[in-house]
């Protein structure tokens, strides 16, 4: 019983951290794209 709870908790933690990392990296890429775009306009 407790093993199952620990397994689901670990799965939840891994999934959410992977999502957060992907979201963070995605934001970084978008920010760099925006700054590149602004530099091209000048």
PDB file of N, CA and C in Angstrom:
ATOM      1  N   UNK A   1       0.837  -1.210   0.000  1.00  0.00           N
ATOM      2  CA  UNK A   1       0.000   0.000   0.000  1.00  0.00           C
ATOM      3  C   UNK A   1       0.866   1.252   0.000  1.00  0.00           C
ATOM      4  N   UNK A   2       1.763   1.349   0.970  1.00  0.00           N
ATOM      5  CA  UNK A   2       2.630   2.538   1.058  1.00  0.00           C
ATOM      6  C   UNK A   2       3.547   2.614  -0.172  1.00  0.00           C
ATOM      7  N   UNK A   3       3.994   1.460  -0.654  1.00  0.00           N
ATOM      8  CA  UNK A   3       4.853   1.453  -1.856  1.00  0.00           C
ATOM      9  C   UNK A   3       4.121   2.080  -3.035  1.00  0.00           C
ATOM     10  N   UNK A   4       2.846   1.753  -3.186  1.00  0.00           N
ATOM     11  CA  UNK A   4       2.057   2.316  -4.286  1.00  0.00           C
ATOM     12  C   UNK A   4       1.949   3.832  -4.158  1.00  0.00           C
ATOM     13  N   UNK A   5       1.735   4.306  -2.945  1.00  0.00           N
ATOM     14  CA  UNK A   5       1.625   5.751  -2.708  1.00  0.00           C
ATOM     15  C   UNK A   5       2.958   6.419  -3.046  1.00  0.00           C
ATOM     16  N   UNK A   6       4.053   5.823  -2.615  1.00  0.00           N
ATOM     17  CA  UNK A   6       5.376   6.385  -2.903  1.00  0.00           C
ATOM     18  C   UNK A   6       5.633   6.406  -4.409  1.00  0.00           C
ATOM     19  N   UNK A   7       5.237   5.341  -5.086  1.00  0.00           N
ATOM     20  CA  UNK A   7       5.421   5.270  -6.539  1.00  0.00           C
ATOM     21  C   UNK A   7       4.657   6.387  -7.243  1.00  0.00           C
ATOM     22  N   UNK A   8       3.399   6.579  -6.855  1.00  0.00           N
ATOM     23  CA  UNK A   8       2.598   7.616  -7.502  1.00  0.00           C
ATOM     24  C   UNK A   8       3.136   8.995  -7.151  1.00  0.00           C
ATOM     25  N   UNK A   9       3.616   9.181  -5.940  1.00  0.00           N
ATOM     26  CA  UNK A   9       4.209  10.462  -5.557  1.00  0.00           C
ATOM     27  C   UNK A   9       5.453  10.742  -6.395  1.00  0.00           C
ATOM     28  N   UNK A  10       6.316   9.747  -6.527  1.00  0.00           N
ATOM     29  CA  UNK A  10       7.535   9.917  -7.322  1.00  0.00           C
ATOM     30  C   UNK A  10       7.183  10.226  -8.772  1.00  0.00           C
ATOM     31  N   UNK A  11       6.200   9.516  -9.312  1.00  0.00           N
ATOM     32  CA  UNK A  11       5.773   9.765 -10.690  1.00  0.00           C
ATOM     33  C   UNK A  11       5.280  11.196 -10.843  1.00  0.00           C
ATOM     34  N   UNK A  12       4.499  11.639  -9.870  1.00  0.00           N
ATOM     35  CA  UNK A  12       3.964  12.997  -9.897  1.00  0.00           C
ATOM     36  C   UNK A  12       5.102  14.015  -9.857  1.00  0.00           C
ATOM     37  N   UNK A  13       6.045  13.813  -8.963  1.00  0.00           N
ATOM     38  CA  UNK A  13       7.185  14.734  -8.818  1.00  0.00           C
ATOM     39  C   UNK A  13       8.000  14.775 -10.109  1.00  0.00           C
ATOM     40  N   UNK A  14       8.300  13.600 -10.658  1.00  0.00           N
ATOM     41  CA  UNK A  14       9.110  13.533 -11.885  1.00  0.00           C
ATOM     42  C   UNK A  14       8.389  14.215 -13.040  1.00  0.00           C
ATOM     43  N   UNK A  15       7.092  13.947 -13.168  1.00  0.00           N
ATOM     44  CA  UNK A  15       6.333  14.539 -14.276  1.00  0.00           C
ATOM     45  C   UNK A  15       6.274  16.049 -14.142  1.00  0.00           C
ATOM     46  N   UNK A  16       5.979  16.533 -12.934  1.00  0.00           N
ATOM     47  CA  UNK A  16       5.848  17.978 -12.748  1.00  0.00           C
ATOM     48  C   UNK A  16       7.194  18.668 -12.919  1.00  0.00           C
ATOM     49  N   UNK A  17       8.281  18.073 -12.431  1.00  0.00           N
ATOM     50  CA  UNK A  17       9.595  18.698 -12.592  1.00  0.00           C
ATOM     51  C   UNK A  17       9.999  18.704 -14.062  1.00  0.00           C
ATOM     52  N   UNK A  18       9.714  17.622 -14.777  1.00  0.00           N
ATOM     53  CA  UNK A  18      10.027  17.573 -16.209  1.00  0.00           C
ATOM     54  C   UNK A  18       9.236  18.653 -16.947  1.00  0.00           C
ATOM     55  N   UNK A  19       7.968  18.825 -16.574  1.00  0.00           N
ATOM     56  CA  UNK A  19       7.134  19.851 -17.194  1.00  0.00           C
ATOM     57  C   UNK A  19       7.688  21.238 -16.907  1.00  0.00           C
ATOM     58  N   UNK A  20       8.081  21.473 -15.647  1.00  0.00           N
ATOM     59  CA  UNK A  20       8.617  22.783 -15.265  1.00  0.00           C
ATOM     60  C   UNK A  20       9.910  23.075 -16.005  1.00  0.00           C
ATOM     61  N   UNK A  21      10.782  22.080 -16.108  1.00  0.00           N
ATOM     62  CA  UNK A  21      12.052  22.271 -16.826  1.00  0.00           C
ATOM     63  C   UNK A  21      11.780  22.590 -18.294  1.00  0.00           C
ATOM     64  N   UNK A  22      10.893  21.846 -18.911  1.00  0.00           N
ATOM     65  CA  UNK A  22      10.536  22.100 -20.305  1.00  0.00           C
ATOM     66  C   UNK A  22       9.937  23.485 -20.487  1.00  0.00           C
ATOM     67  N   UNK A  23       9.084  23.881 -19.545  1.00  0.00           N
ATOM     68  CA  UNK A  23       8.459  25.203 -19.600  1.00  0.00           C
ATOM     69  C   UNK A  23       9.524  26.290 -19.477  1.00  0.00           C
ATOM     70  N   UNK A  24      10.474  26.095 -18.550  1.00  0.00           N
ATOM     71  CA  UNK A  24      11.538  27.075 -18.324  1.00  0.00           C
ATOM     72  C   UNK A  24      12.420  27.209 -19.560  1.00  0.00           C
ATOM     73  N   UNK A  25      12.818  26.080 -20.126  1.00  0.00           N
ATOM     74  CA  UNK A  25      13.663  26.098 -21.327  1.00  0.00           C
ATOM     75  C   UNK A  25      12.907  26.755 -22.481  1.00  0.00           C
ATOM     76  N   UNK A  26      11.629  26.442 -22.612  1.00  0.00           N
ATOM     77  CA  UNK A  26      10.801  27.041 -23.657  1.00  0.00           C
ATOM     78  C   UNK A  26      10.750  28.556 -23.510  1.00  0.00           C
ATOM     79  N   UNK A  27      10.590  29.025 -22.282  1.00  0.00           N
ATOM     80  CA  UNK A  27      10.560  30.468 -22.038  1.00  0.00           C
ATOM     81  C   UNK A  27      11.885  31.103 -22.426  1.00  0.00           C
ATOM     82  N   UNK A  28      12.987  30.468 -22.053  1.00  0.00           N
ATOM     83  CA  UNK A  28      14.312  31.006 -22.394  1.00  0.00           C
ATOM     84  C   UNK A  28      14.438  31.168 -23.902  1.00  0.00           C
ATOM     85  N   UNK A  29      14.015  30.152 -24.658  1.00  0.00           N
ATOM     86  CA  UNK A  29      14.107  30.198 -26.123  1.00  0.00           C
ATOM     87  C   UNK A  29      13.244  31.328 -26.685  1.00  0.00           C
ATOM     88  N   UNK A  30      12.040  31.476 -26.144  1.00  0.00           N
ATOM     89  CA  UNK A  30      11.130  32.521 -26.621  1.00  0.00           C
ATOM     90  C   UNK A  30      11.736  33.889 -26.338  1.00  0.00           C
ATOM     91  N   UNK A  31      12.294  34.068 -25.154  1.00  0.00           N
ATOM     92  CA  UNK A  31      12.900  35.360 -24.781  1.00  0.00           C
ATOM     93  C   UNK A  31      14.053  35.683 -25.714  1.00  0.00           C
ATOM     94  N   UNK A  32      14.895  34.707 -26.015  1.00  0.00           N
ATOM     95  CA  UNK A  32      16.033  34.964 -26.905  1.00  0.00           C
ATOM     96  C   UNK A  32      15.538  35.274 -28.316  1.00  0.00           C
ATOM     97  N   UNK A  33      14.466  34.613 -28.749  1.00  0.00           N
ATOM     98  CA  UNK A  33      13.892  34.897 -30.069  1.00  0.00           C
ATOM     99  C   UNK A  33      13.380  36.335 -30.129  1.00  0.00           C
ATOM    100  N   UNK A  34      12.702  36.771 -29.078  1.00  0.00           N
ATOM    101  CA  UNK A  34      12.139  38.120 -29.035  1.00  0.00           C
ATOM    102  C   UNK A  34      13.280  39.145 -29.082  1.00  0.00           C
ATOM    103  N   UNK A  35      14.335  38.941 -28.307  1.00  0.00           N
ATOM    104  CA  UNK A  35      15.441  39.902 -28.295  1.00  0.00           C
ATOM    105  C   UNK A  35      16.135  39.929 -29.666  1.00  0.00           C
ATOM    106  N   UNK A  36      16.276  38.785 -30.294  1.00  0.00           N
ATOM    107  CA  UNK A  36      16.861  38.743 -31.651  1.00  0.00           C
ATOM    108  C   UNK A  36      15.998  39.534 -32.616  1.00  0.00           C
ATOM    109  N   UNK A  37      14.692  39.365 -32.508  1.00  0.00           N
ATOM    110  CA  UNK A  37      13.748  40.051 -33.394  1.00  0.00           C
ATOM    111  C   UNK A  37      13.839  41.561 -33.207  1.00  0.00           C
ATOM    112  N   UNK A  38      13.924  42.002 -31.949  1.00  0.00           N
ATOM    113  CA  UNK A  38      14.009  43.431 -31.666  1.00  0.00           C
ATOM    114  C   UNK A  38      15.319  44.008 -32.213  1.00  0.00           C
ATOM    115  N   UNK A  39      16.398  43.250 -32.093  1.00  0.00           N
ATOM    116  CA  UNK A  39      17.685  43.728 -32.608  1.00  0.00           C
ATOM    117  C   UNK A  39      17.645  43.877 -34.125  1.00  0.00           C
ATOM    118  N   UNK A  40      16.951  42.958 -34.810  1.00  0.00           N
ATOM    119  CA  UNK A  40      16.858  43.020 -36.273  1.00  0.00           C
ATOM    120  C   UNK A  40      16.087  44.257 -36.728  1.00  0.00           C
ATOM    121  N   UNK A  41      15.119  44.683 -35.943  1.00  0.00           N
ATOM    122  CA  UNK A  41      14.277  45.806 -36.347  1.00  0.00           C
ATOM    123  C   UNK A  41      15.054  47.132 -36.380  1.00  0.00           C
ATOM    124  N   UNK A  42      16.004  47.297 -35.480  1.00  0.00           N
ATOM    125  CA  UNK A  42      16.713  48.586 -35.384  1.00  0.00           C
ATOM    126  C   UNK A  42      17.550  48.894 -36.615  1.00  0.00           C
TER     127      UNK A  42
END
